[in-house]
Amino acid sequence: EVRLVESGGALVQPGGSLTISCSASGFTFSQYGMNWVRQAPGYGLEWVAIINHIGGACVFADSVKGRFTISRDNSEKTIFLQMTNLQPEDSAVYYCNMFDGRDFWGAGTVVTVSR
């Protein structure tokens, strides 16, 4: 059974930084690219970033480019999202996602950017 568990969400002040993570199990982690997707209150899902199966290639949404970094540790079956210069519009539930023809999602972790 595929399982994705996000963690690390927190309340952060504008301009601050935060790293969230997603631990995976139930599939051959090193064979799949992974996504981060977020959903702000009252809005739909917004794709944030993708990393390929070996961590050698990443793509970011324009809204986070230059501020967010995605990485992975295949030995720990974990992906990370390092977020810097956070702004209130980054407040959202952040989900990790794996797609193998079917979408798999974690329960999400909440990031709130506010004074």
N, C-alpha and C. Protein backbone atom coordinates (compact mmCIF):
# COMPACT_ATOMS: atom_id res chain seq x y z
N GLU A 1 0.85 -1.19 0.00
CA GLU A 1 0.00 0.00 0.00
C GLU A 1 0.88 1.24 0.00
N VAL A 2 0.62 2.12 -0.98
CA VAL A 2 1.36 3.39 -1.04
C VAL A 2 0.95 4.27 0.13
N ARG A 3 1.96 4.81 0.80
CA ARG A 3 1.69 5.73 1.91
C ARG A 3 2.64 6.91 1.81
N LEU A 4 2.08 8.11 1.91
CA LEU A 4 2.84 9.35 1.89
C LEU A 4 2.46 10.14 3.14
N VAL A 5 3.47 10.55 3.91
CA VAL A 5 3.22 11.26 5.16
C VAL A 5 4.04 12.54 5.19
N GLU A 6 3.35 13.67 5.12
CA GLU A 6 4.01 14.97 5.17
C GLU A 6 4.19 15.41 6.62
N SER A 7 5.22 16.20 6.85
CA SER A 7 5.45 16.75 8.20
C SER A 7 6.25 18.04 8.10
N GLY A 8 6.26 18.77 9.20
CA GLY A 8 7.08 19.96 9.29
C GLY A 8 6.36 21.27 9.13
N GLY A 9 5.06 21.24 8.84
CA GLY A 9 4.32 22.48 8.70
C GLY A 9 4.33 23.28 9.99
N ALA A 10 4.26 24.62 9.85
CA ALA A 10 4.34 25.48 11.03
C ALA A 10 3.81 26.86 10.71
N LEU A 11 3.73 27.68 11.74
CA LEU A 11 3.45 29.11 11.60
C LEU A 11 4.78 29.83 11.45
N VAL A 12 4.91 30.62 10.40
CA VAL A 12 6.17 31.31 10.10
C VAL A 12 5.85 32.78 9.81
N GLN A 13 6.75 33.64 10.20
CA GLN A 13 6.58 35.05 9.90
C GLN A 13 6.96 35.34 8.45
N PRO A 14 6.35 36.35 7.84
CA PRO A 14 6.75 36.73 6.47
C PRO A 14 8.25 36.97 6.39
N GLY A 15 8.83 36.46 5.31
CA GLY A 15 10.27 36.55 5.13
C GLY A 15 11.03 35.40 5.74
N GLY A 16 10.35 34.55 6.48
CA GLY A 16 10.99 33.42 7.13
C GLY A 16 11.19 32.23 6.21
N SER A 17 11.78 31.20 6.78
CA SER A 17 12.08 29.97 6.05
C SER A 17 11.54 28.76 6.78
N LEU A 18 11.31 27.70 6.04
CA LEU A 18 10.79 26.47 6.60
C LEU A 18 11.10 25.33 5.64
N THR A 19 11.39 24.17 6.19
CA THR A 19 11.55 22.95 5.39
C THR A 19 10.50 21.94 5.82
N ILE A 20 9.77 21.45 4.85
CA ILE A 20 8.81 20.38 5.10
C ILE A 20 9.29 19.11 4.41
N SER A 21 8.80 17.98 4.88
CA SER A 21 9.25 16.70 4.33
C SER A 21 8.07 15.77 4.09
N CYS A 22 8.34 14.74 3.30
CA CYS A 22 7.34 13.73 2.99
C CYS A 22 8.03 12.38 2.98
N SER A 23 7.60 11.50 3.84
CA SER A 23 8.13 10.15 3.91
C SER A 23 7.23 9.20 3.14
N ALA A 24 7.84 8.34 2.35
CA ALA A 24 7.09 7.45 1.46
C ALA A 24 7.33 5.99 1.82
N SER A 25 6.34 5.17 1.53
CA SER A 25 6.47 3.73 1.70
C SER A 25 5.47 3.04 0.80
N GLY A 26 5.70 1.75 0.57
CA GLY A 26 4.75 0.95 -0.18
C GLY A 26 4.98 0.90 -1.68
N PHE A 27 6.08 1.51 -2.14
CA PHE A 27 6.43 1.44 -3.55
C PHE A 27 7.94 1.66 -3.68
N THR A 28 8.47 1.39 -4.87
CA THR A 28 9.90 1.55 -5.10
C THR A 28 10.20 3.03 -5.31
N PHE A 29 10.49 3.70 -4.22
CA PHE A 29 10.59 5.15 -4.19
C PHE A 29 11.57 5.68 -5.23
N SER A 30 12.70 5.03 -5.40
CA SER A 30 13.76 5.54 -6.27
C SER A 30 13.41 5.48 -7.75
N GLN A 31 12.27 4.92 -8.08
CA GLN A 31 11.88 4.80 -9.49
C GLN A 31 10.86 5.86 -9.91
N TYR A 32 10.46 6.73 -8.98
CA TYR A 32 9.37 7.66 -9.29
C TYR A 32 9.74 9.11 -8.99
N GLY A 33 9.37 10.00 -9.94
CA GLY A 33 9.38 11.40 -9.63
C GLY A 33 8.32 11.71 -8.58
N MET A 34 8.51 12.82 -7.89
CA MET A 34 7.60 13.21 -6.83
C MET A 34 7.26 14.69 -6.97
N ASN A 35 6.04 15.02 -6.58
CA ASN A 35 5.57 16.40 -6.66
C ASN A 35 5.24 16.95 -5.28
N TRP A 36 5.35 18.28 -5.17
CA TRP A 36 4.71 19.01 -4.09
C TRP A 36 3.57 19.82 -4.71
N VAL A 37 2.42 19.79 -4.07
CA VAL A 37 1.22 20.50 -4.51
C VAL A 37 0.64 21.18 -3.28
N ARG A 38 0.08 22.37 -3.43
CA ARG A 38 -0.48 23.06 -2.28
C ARG A 38 -1.90 23.52 -2.56
N GLN A 39 -2.63 23.75 -1.50
CA GLN A 39 -4.00 24.26 -1.59
C GLN A 39 -4.20 25.32 -0.52
N ALA A 40 -4.38 26.54 -0.96
CA ALA A 40 -4.66 27.64 -0.04
C ALA A 40 -6.15 27.63 0.31
N PRO A 41 -6.49 28.17 1.46
CA PRO A 41 -7.90 28.19 1.86
C PRO A 41 -8.78 28.85 0.80
N GLY A 42 -9.81 28.17 0.38
CA GLY A 42 -10.74 28.72 -0.59
C GLY A 42 -10.29 28.63 -2.03
N TYR A 43 -9.14 28.00 -2.28
CA TYR A 43 -8.60 27.88 -3.63
C TYR A 43 -8.43 26.42 -4.02
N GLY A 44 -8.20 26.19 -5.30
CA GLY A 44 -7.95 24.85 -5.78
C GLY A 44 -6.50 24.44 -5.60
N LEU A 45 -6.18 23.26 -6.06
CA LEU A 45 -4.83 22.74 -5.96
C LEU A 45 -3.89 23.52 -6.88
N GLU A 46 -2.71 23.82 -6.38
CA GLU A 46 -1.67 24.48 -7.17
C GLU A 46 -0.41 23.62 -7.14
N TRP A 47 0.03 23.18 -8.28
CA TRP A 47 1.28 22.43 -8.36
C TRP A 47 2.44 23.38 -8.02
N VAL A 48 3.39 22.89 -7.21
CA VAL A 48 4.49 23.71 -6.73
C VAL A 48 5.83 23.31 -7.36
N ALA A 49 6.13 22.01 -7.33
CA ALA A 49 7.45 21.58 -7.80
C ALA A 49 7.44 20.08 -8.05
N ILE A 50 8.38 19.66 -8.89
CA ILE A 50 8.57 18.25 -9.18
C ILE A 50 10.06 17.95 -9.15
N ILE A 51 10.40 16.75 -8.70
CA ILE A 51 11.77 16.28 -8.73
C ILE A 51 11.79 14.90 -9.37
N ASN A 52 12.78 14.65 -10.22
CA ASN A 52 12.80 13.36 -10.91
C ASN A 52 13.26 12.25 -9.96
N HIS A 53 13.29 11.04 -10.46
CA HIS A 53 13.46 9.88 -9.58
C HIS A 53 14.82 9.83 -8.90
N ILE A 54 15.84 10.45 -9.49
CA ILE A 54 17.16 10.42 -8.87
C ILE A 54 17.57 11.79 -8.32
N GLY A 55 16.68 12.76 -8.41
CA GLY A 55 16.97 14.08 -7.86
C GLY A 55 17.83 14.94 -8.74
N GLY A 56 18.01 14.53 -9.99
CA GLY A 56 18.88 15.29 -10.87
C GLY A 56 18.20 16.39 -11.65
N ALA A 57 16.90 16.45 -11.60
CA ALA A 57 16.16 17.47 -12.35
C ALA A 57 14.96 17.91 -11.54
N CYS A 58 14.75 19.21 -11.52
CA CYS A 58 13.63 19.79 -10.77
C CYS A 58 12.99 20.89 -11.61
N VAL A 59 11.70 21.08 -11.44
CA VAL A 59 10.99 22.17 -12.07
C VAL A 59 10.09 22.80 -11.02
N PHE A 60 9.97 24.12 -11.09
CA PHE A 60 9.20 24.85 -10.10
C PHE A 60 8.12 25.71 -10.75
N ALA A 61 7.03 25.92 -10.05
CA ALA A 61 6.03 26.88 -10.48
C ALA A 61 6.64 28.28 -10.43
N ASP A 62 6.18 29.15 -11.31
CA ASP A 62 6.71 30.51 -11.34
C ASP A 62 6.53 31.22 -10.00
N SER A 63 5.46 30.88 -9.31
CA SER A 63 5.14 31.57 -8.05
C SER A 63 6.16 31.30 -6.95
N VAL A 64 6.94 30.23 -7.09
CA VAL A 64 7.91 29.88 -6.03
C VAL A 64 9.34 29.82 -6.55
N LYS A 65 9.52 30.00 -7.83
CA LYS A 65 10.86 29.88 -8.43
C LYS A 65 11.81 30.88 -7.78
N GLY A 66 12.99 30.37 -7.42
CA GLY A 66 13.99 31.21 -6.77
C GLY A 66 13.85 31.28 -5.27
N ARG A 67 12.73 30.83 -4.73
CA ARG A 67 12.51 30.85 -3.28
C ARG A 67 12.44 29.45 -2.68
N PHE A 68 11.95 28.49 -3.44
CA PHE A 68 11.78 27.12 -2.96
C PHE A 68 12.78 26.20 -3.64
N THR A 69 13.21 25.18 -2.90
CA THR A 69 14.08 24.13 -3.43
C THR A 69 13.48 22.79 -3.07
N ILE A 70 13.51 21.86 -4.00
CA ILE A 70 13.03 20.50 -3.74
C ILE A 70 14.22 19.56 -3.79
N SER A 71 14.24 18.58 -2.89
CA SER A 71 15.31 17.60 -2.87
C SER A 71 14.75 16.27 -2.39
N ARG A 72 15.56 15.23 -2.49
CA ARG A 72 15.12 13.91 -2.04
C ARG A 72 16.30 13.11 -1.52
N ASP A 73 15.98 12.18 -0.64
CA ASP A 73 16.95 11.22 -0.11
C ASP A 73 16.37 9.85 -0.38
N ASN A 74 16.85 9.19 -1.42
CA ASN A 74 16.28 7.90 -1.79
C ASN A 74 16.58 6.82 -0.75
N SER A 75 17.67 6.97 -0.02
CA SER A 75 17.97 5.98 1.02
C SER A 75 16.97 6.06 2.18
N GLU A 76 16.43 7.25 2.40
CA GLU A 76 15.43 7.46 3.45
C GLU A 76 14.01 7.53 2.91
N LYS A 77 13.86 7.40 1.60
CA LYS A 77 12.53 7.45 0.96
C LYS A 77 11.78 8.72 1.39
N THR A 78 12.45 9.83 1.28
CA THR A 78 11.90 11.10 1.74
C THR A 78 12.19 12.20 0.73
N ILE A 79 11.23 13.08 0.54
CA ILE A 79 11.46 14.30 -0.22
C ILE A 79 11.29 15.50 0.70
N PHE A 80 11.93 16.59 0.30
CA PHE A 80 11.93 17.79 1.11
C PHE A 80 11.54 18.99 0.24
N LEU A 81 10.95 19.98 0.88
CA LEU A 81 10.70 21.26 0.22
C LEU A 81 11.27 22.34 1.14
N GLN A 82 12.36 22.96 0.70
CA GLN A 82 12.96 24.05 1.45
C GLN A 82 12.37 25.35 0.93
N MET A 83 11.76 26.10 1.84
CA MET A 83 11.05 27.32 1.46
C MET A 83 11.70 28.53 2.14
N THR A 84 12.03 29.52 1.35
CA THR A 84 12.62 30.74 1.90
C THR A 84 11.79 31.94 1.48
N ASN A 85 12.03 33.07 2.16
CA ASN A 85 11.31 34.31 1.89
C ASN A 85 9.80 34.04 1.77
N LEU A 86 9.28 33.34 2.74
CA LEU A 86 7.86 32.98 2.71
C LEU A 86 6.99 34.21 2.83
N GLN A 87 5.88 34.18 2.12
CA GLN A 87 4.93 35.29 2.09
C GLN A 87 3.54 34.78 2.47
N PRO A 88 2.65 35.65 2.90
CA PRO A 88 1.31 35.19 3.29
C PRO A 88 0.61 34.38 2.20
N GLU A 89 0.88 34.68 0.95
CA GLU A 89 0.24 33.93 -0.13
C GLU A 89 0.78 32.51 -0.27
N ASP A 90 1.83 32.18 0.46
CA ASP A 90 2.33 30.81 0.50
C ASP A 90 1.59 29.96 1.52
N SER A 91 0.74 30.58 2.32
CA SER A 91 -0.03 29.83 3.31
C SER A 91 -0.94 28.83 2.60
N ALA A 92 -0.83 27.57 3.00
CA ALA A 92 -1.59 26.51 2.32
C ALA A 92 -1.37 25.19 3.05
N VAL A 93 -2.17 24.22 2.66
CA VAL A 93 -1.85 22.84 2.99
C VAL A 93 -0.97 22.32 1.87
N TYR A 94 0.18 21.77 2.26
CA TYR A 94 1.15 21.26 1.29
C TYR A 94 1.06 19.74 1.27
N TYR A 95 0.90 19.21 0.05
CA TYR A 95 0.77 17.77 -0.15
C TYR A 95 1.93 17.26 -1.00
N CYS A 96 2.41 16.07 -0.70
CA CYS A 96 3.29 15.40 -1.66
C CYS A 96 2.44 14.43 -2.48
N ASN A 97 2.90 14.18 -3.67
CA ASN A 97 2.12 13.42 -4.65
C ASN A 97 3.03 12.51 -5.46
N MET A 98 2.57 11.31 -5.69
CA MET A 98 3.24 10.38 -6.60
C MET A 98 2.21 9.93 -7.61
N PHE A 99 2.62 9.89 -8.88
CA PHE A 99 1.71 9.49 -9.96
C PHE A 99 2.34 8.34 -10.73
N ASP A 100 1.63 7.21 -10.78
CA ASP A 100 2.09 6.07 -11.58
C ASP A 100 1.01 5.63 -12.53
N GLY A 101 0.19 6.61 -12.95
CA GLY A 101 -1.02 6.31 -13.69
C GLY A 101 -2.22 6.50 -12.77
N ARG A 102 -1.95 6.44 -11.51
CA ARG A 102 -2.91 6.79 -10.45
C ARG A 102 -2.24 7.84 -9.57
N ASP A 103 -3.06 8.72 -9.02
CA ASP A 103 -2.54 9.74 -8.11
C ASP A 103 -2.58 9.22 -6.68
N PHE A 104 -1.46 9.42 -5.98
CA PHE A 104 -1.39 9.10 -4.56
C PHE A 104 -1.02 10.36 -3.80
N TRP A 105 -1.70 10.59 -2.69
CA TRP A 105 -1.55 11.80 -1.90
C TRP A 105 -1.37 11.49 -0.42
N GLY A 106 -0.64 12.36 0.24
CA GLY A 106 -0.62 12.30 1.69
C GLY A 106 -1.76 13.14 2.25
N ALA A 107 -1.79 13.23 3.57
CA ALA A 107 -2.84 14.01 4.25
C ALA A 107 -2.52 15.49 4.29
N GLY A 108 -1.26 15.85 4.01
CA GLY A 108 -0.87 17.25 3.95
C GLY A 108 -0.30 17.77 5.26
N THR A 109 0.42 18.87 5.15
CA THR A 109 0.95 19.57 6.31
C THR A 109 0.67 21.06 6.12
N VAL A 110 0.28 21.73 7.19
CA VAL A 110 -0.20 23.11 7.09
C VAL A 110 0.95 24.09 7.31
N VAL A 111 1.11 24.98 6.35
CA VAL A 111 2.07 26.09 6.46
C VAL A 111 1.28 27.38 6.51
N THR A 112 1.49 28.14 7.57
CA THR A 112 0.82 29.43 7.73
C THR A 112 1.88 30.52 7.84
N VAL A 113 1.77 31.52 6.97
CA VAL A 113 2.72 32.63 6.97
C VAL A 113 1.96 33.87 7.43
N SER A 114 2.28 34.33 8.62
CA SER A 114 1.53 35.44 9.21
C SER A 114 2.34 36.05 10.34
N ARG A 115 2.04 37.32 10.61
CA ARG A 115 2.63 37.96 11.78
C ARG A 115 1.81 37.59 13.00
